Amino acid sequence: MKPFIFIPTFICSGLLSGCFGYPRLLNYSFDPGGRGLNSLASELEPQISRRYIVFISDRRGSQDVYMFDTVTRNLVDLPGLNSLDTIATHPSVSENGRYIVFAASRQGRSAIFLYDQETRQSRNLTTNLQSEVRNPTISADGSRIAFESSNNGQWDILVYNRSGQPLNVPQEPR
């Protein structure tokens, strides 16, 4: 084999072998008792951040937020997060799993809530916002929350800090 063909072939095969095993399929078993990631109920809107998967499920009869730890392969207990009079949607979790942000509808009004797993408290970040809100997401470090708001008749993106204060987002690119 000529060197000018052998060398590129060798390099390409070396580069492609680095991709071996990726992506890998993760298989989580079905648990009819509802204690695992998959159950008899609907599991909706999954979002993954490092070792945690947050999702919505109606396994207890209402649309609630759940968090699954992919390392321990167990659901994480989230006391104080879900309530019977709230329909939760679009959860997002910080990288360390401490903060979960989600949209919720309570008494016909939508809001963005932030749950702190350490304090076991949930707070409405959009109490003073007089518009519909949806699709929240949280930064990896849990310091910023972005979501859509229907203020002024159109959907815009707002960014808040963990305290519920709006952050200035430049309107013009630099």
Protein backbone atom coordinates (compact mmCIF):
# COMPACT_ATOMS: atom_id res chain seq x y z
CA MET A 1 0.00 0.00 0.00
CA LYS A 2 1.30 3.43 -0.88
CA PRO A 3 2.10 5.75 2.06
CA PHE A 4 -0.10 8.61 0.81
CA ILE A 5 -3.16 6.29 0.99
CA PHE A 6 -2.14 4.39 4.12
CA ILE A 7 -1.53 7.44 6.35
CA PRO A 8 -4.94 9.15 5.75
CA THR A 9 -6.69 5.78 6.13
CA PHE A 10 -4.89 5.14 9.42
CA ILE A 11 -5.71 8.64 10.73
CA CYS A 12 -9.40 8.35 9.77
CA SER A 13 -9.76 4.94 11.40
CA GLY A 14 -8.15 6.29 14.57
CA LEU A 15 -10.51 9.25 14.69
CA LEU A 16 -13.57 7.11 14.08
CA SER A 17 -12.61 4.61 16.77
CA GLY A 18 -12.83 7.45 19.31
CA CYS A 19 -16.58 7.60 18.61
CA PHE A 20 -17.07 3.94 19.49
CA GLY A 21 -19.71 3.49 22.17
CA TYR A 22 -21.26 6.94 21.73
CA PRO A 23 -24.08 7.67 21.88
CA ARG A 24 -25.03 4.94 24.25
CA LEU A 25 -28.55 3.84 24.98
CA LEU A 26 -29.56 4.10 28.61
CA ASN A 27 -32.32 1.71 29.55
CA TYR A 28 -34.30 2.29 32.72
CA SER A 29 -36.60 -0.49 33.75
CA PHE A 30 -40.36 -0.19 33.98
CA ASP A 31 -41.73 -0.02 37.55
CA PRO A 32 -45.47 -0.75 37.82
CA GLY A 33 -45.40 0.65 41.37
CA GLY A 34 -44.45 4.12 40.11
CA ARG A 35 -41.16 4.33 42.01
CA GLY A 36 -38.86 4.43 38.97
CA LEU A 37 -38.39 6.58 35.91
CA ASN A 38 -40.99 4.72 33.84
CA SER A 39 -44.41 3.73 35.16
CA LEU A 40 -47.95 2.91 34.00
CA ALA A 41 -48.69 6.66 33.91
CA SER A 42 -47.64 9.17 31.28
CA GLU A 43 -44.13 10.59 31.61
CA LEU A 44 -43.90 13.92 29.76
CA GLU A 45 -41.47 16.73 28.95
CA PRO A 46 -38.19 15.17 30.18
CA GLN A 47 -35.19 17.41 30.67
CA ILE A 48 -31.74 16.16 31.67
CA SER A 49 -28.91 17.97 33.42
CA ARG A 50 -25.87 15.92 34.38
CA ARG A 51 -27.15 13.10 36.58
CA TYR A 52 -30.75 14.31 36.98
CA ILE A 53 -33.81 13.92 34.79
CA VAL A 54 -36.86 16.03 35.62
CA PHE A 55 -40.20 15.27 34.02
CA ILE A 56 -43.95 15.60 34.43
CA SER A 57 -46.08 12.59 35.30
CA ASP A 58 -49.67 11.96 36.29
CA ARG A 59 -48.82 8.82 38.27
CA ARG A 60 -50.53 10.23 41.41
CA GLY A 61 -53.59 11.51 39.57
CA SER A 62 -52.38 15.05 38.91
CA GLN A 63 -49.72 16.55 36.66
CA ASP A 64 -46.69 16.75 38.99
CA VAL A 65 -42.92 17.30 38.72
CA TYR A 66 -40.60 14.37 39.40
CA MET A 67 -36.82 14.09 39.50
CA PHE A 68 -34.87 10.91 38.77
CA ASP A 69 -31.23 10.40 39.77
CA THR A 70 -29.49 8.44 37.00
CA VAL A 71 -26.62 7.44 39.30
CA THR A 72 -28.68 5.93 42.13
CA ARG A 73 -31.47 4.97 39.67
CA ASN A 74 -34.13 6.26 42.07
CA LEU A 75 -36.71 9.01 42.21
CA VAL A 76 -35.58 11.93 44.38
CA ASP A 77 -37.98 12.91 47.16
CA LEU A 78 -39.26 16.47 46.56
CA PRO A 79 -41.36 17.39 49.62
CA GLY A 80 -43.33 20.62 49.30
CA LEU A 81 -43.03 20.78 45.51
CA ASN A 82 -46.31 19.45 44.13
CA SER A 83 -49.82 20.48 45.17
CA LEU A 84 -53.24 19.15 44.21
CA ASP A 85 -54.54 22.48 42.86
CA THR A 86 -51.62 23.00 40.44
CA ILE A 87 -50.98 21.65 36.95
CA ALA A 88 -47.21 21.61 36.39
CA THR A 89 -45.46 21.73 32.99
CA HIS A 90 -42.00 22.21 31.45
CA PRO A 91 -39.63 21.42 34.33
CA SER A 92 -35.93 22.24 34.15
CA VAL A 93 -33.22 21.39 36.68
CA SER A 94 -29.90 23.00 37.61
CA GLU A 95 -26.77 20.93 37.10
CA ASN A 96 -26.40 20.00 40.78
CA GLY A 97 -30.11 19.16 41.14
CA ARG A 98 -30.74 21.75 43.84
CA TYR A 99 -33.06 24.03 41.82
CA ILE A 100 -36.05 23.00 39.73
CA VAL A 101 -37.96 25.59 37.73
CA PHE A 102 -41.33 24.81 36.17
CA ALA A 103 -44.44 26.45 34.78
CA ALA A 104 -47.67 25.88 36.66
CA SER A 105 -51.28 26.77 36.24
CA ARG A 106 -53.24 27.43 39.40
CA GLN A 107 -56.81 28.75 39.40
CA GLY A 108 -56.55 29.59 35.69
CA ARG A 109 -53.40 31.71 36.03
CA SER A 110 -49.98 30.62 34.81
CA ALA A 111 -46.78 31.30 36.73
CA ILE A 112 -43.13 30.27 36.88
CA PHE A 113 -42.08 28.57 40.11
CA LEU A 114 -38.64 27.83 41.52
CA TYR A 115 -38.23 24.92 43.91
CA ASP A 116 -35.16 24.78 46.17
CA GLN A 117 -34.46 21.19 47.16
CA GLU A 118 -32.26 22.31 50.07
CA THR A 119 -34.92 24.47 51.76
CA ARG A 120 -37.84 22.39 50.39
CA GLN A 121 -39.60 25.61 49.42
CA SER A 122 -41.30 26.59 46.20
CA ARG A 123 -41.78 30.24 45.25
CA ASN A 124 -43.59 32.06 42.48
CA LEU A 125 -41.05 34.09 40.49
CA THR A 126 -43.67 35.88 38.38
CA THR A 127 -46.10 37.16 41.02
CA ASN A 128 -45.84 40.76 39.77
CA LEU A 129 -46.01 39.85 36.08
CA GLN A 130 -49.46 40.40 34.55
CA SER A 131 -49.13 38.10 31.54
CA GLU A 132 -49.17 34.46 30.56
CA VAL A 133 -45.85 32.63 30.97
CA ARG A 134 -44.49 29.33 29.67
CA ASN A 135 -41.42 27.18 28.86
CA PRO A 136 -38.98 28.03 31.68
CA THR A 137 -35.38 26.88 31.69
CA ILE A 138 -32.69 27.32 34.33
CA SER A 139 -28.97 27.95 33.92
CA ALA A 140 -26.54 25.18 34.89
CA ASP A 141 -25.54 26.99 38.09
CA GLY A 142 -29.17 27.80 38.96
CA SER A 143 -28.64 31.56 39.03
CA ARG A 144 -30.78 32.57 36.01
CA ILE A 145 -34.18 31.53 34.75
CA ALA A 146 -35.34 32.27 31.19
CA PHE A 147 -38.97 31.89 30.10
CA GLU A 148 -41.53 33.15 27.62
CA SER A 149 -44.03 35.88 28.52
CA SER A 150 -46.98 37.11 26.45
CA ASN A 151 -46.70 40.74 27.44
CA ASN A 152 -47.78 43.28 24.76
CA GLY A 153 -49.62 40.67 22.69
CA GLN A 154 -46.57 38.69 21.60
CA TRP A 155 -44.32 36.09 23.19
CA ASP A 156 -41.03 37.54 24.44
CA ILE A 157 -38.16 35.99 26.39
CA LEU A 158 -37.54 37.26 29.91
CA VAL A 159 -34.60 36.41 32.17
CA TYR A 160 -34.92 36.54 35.96
CA ASN A 161 -32.54 35.79 38.79
CA ARG A 162 -33.38 33.26 41.52
CA SER A 163 -34.94 36.01 43.65
CA GLY A 164 -37.51 36.78 40.96
CA GLN A 165 -35.90 40.01 39.79
CA PRO A 166 -35.77 40.68 36.03
CA LEU A 167 -32.28 40.87 34.54
CA ASN A 168 -31.42 43.32 31.80
CA VAL A 169 -30.93 41.61 28.49
CA PRO A 170 -29.39 43.84 25.81
CA GLN A 171 -31.84 44.57 22.99
CA GLU A 172 -29.18 45.22 20.37
CA PRO A 173 -26.36 42.77 19.63
CA ARG A 174 -22.89 44.18 20.14
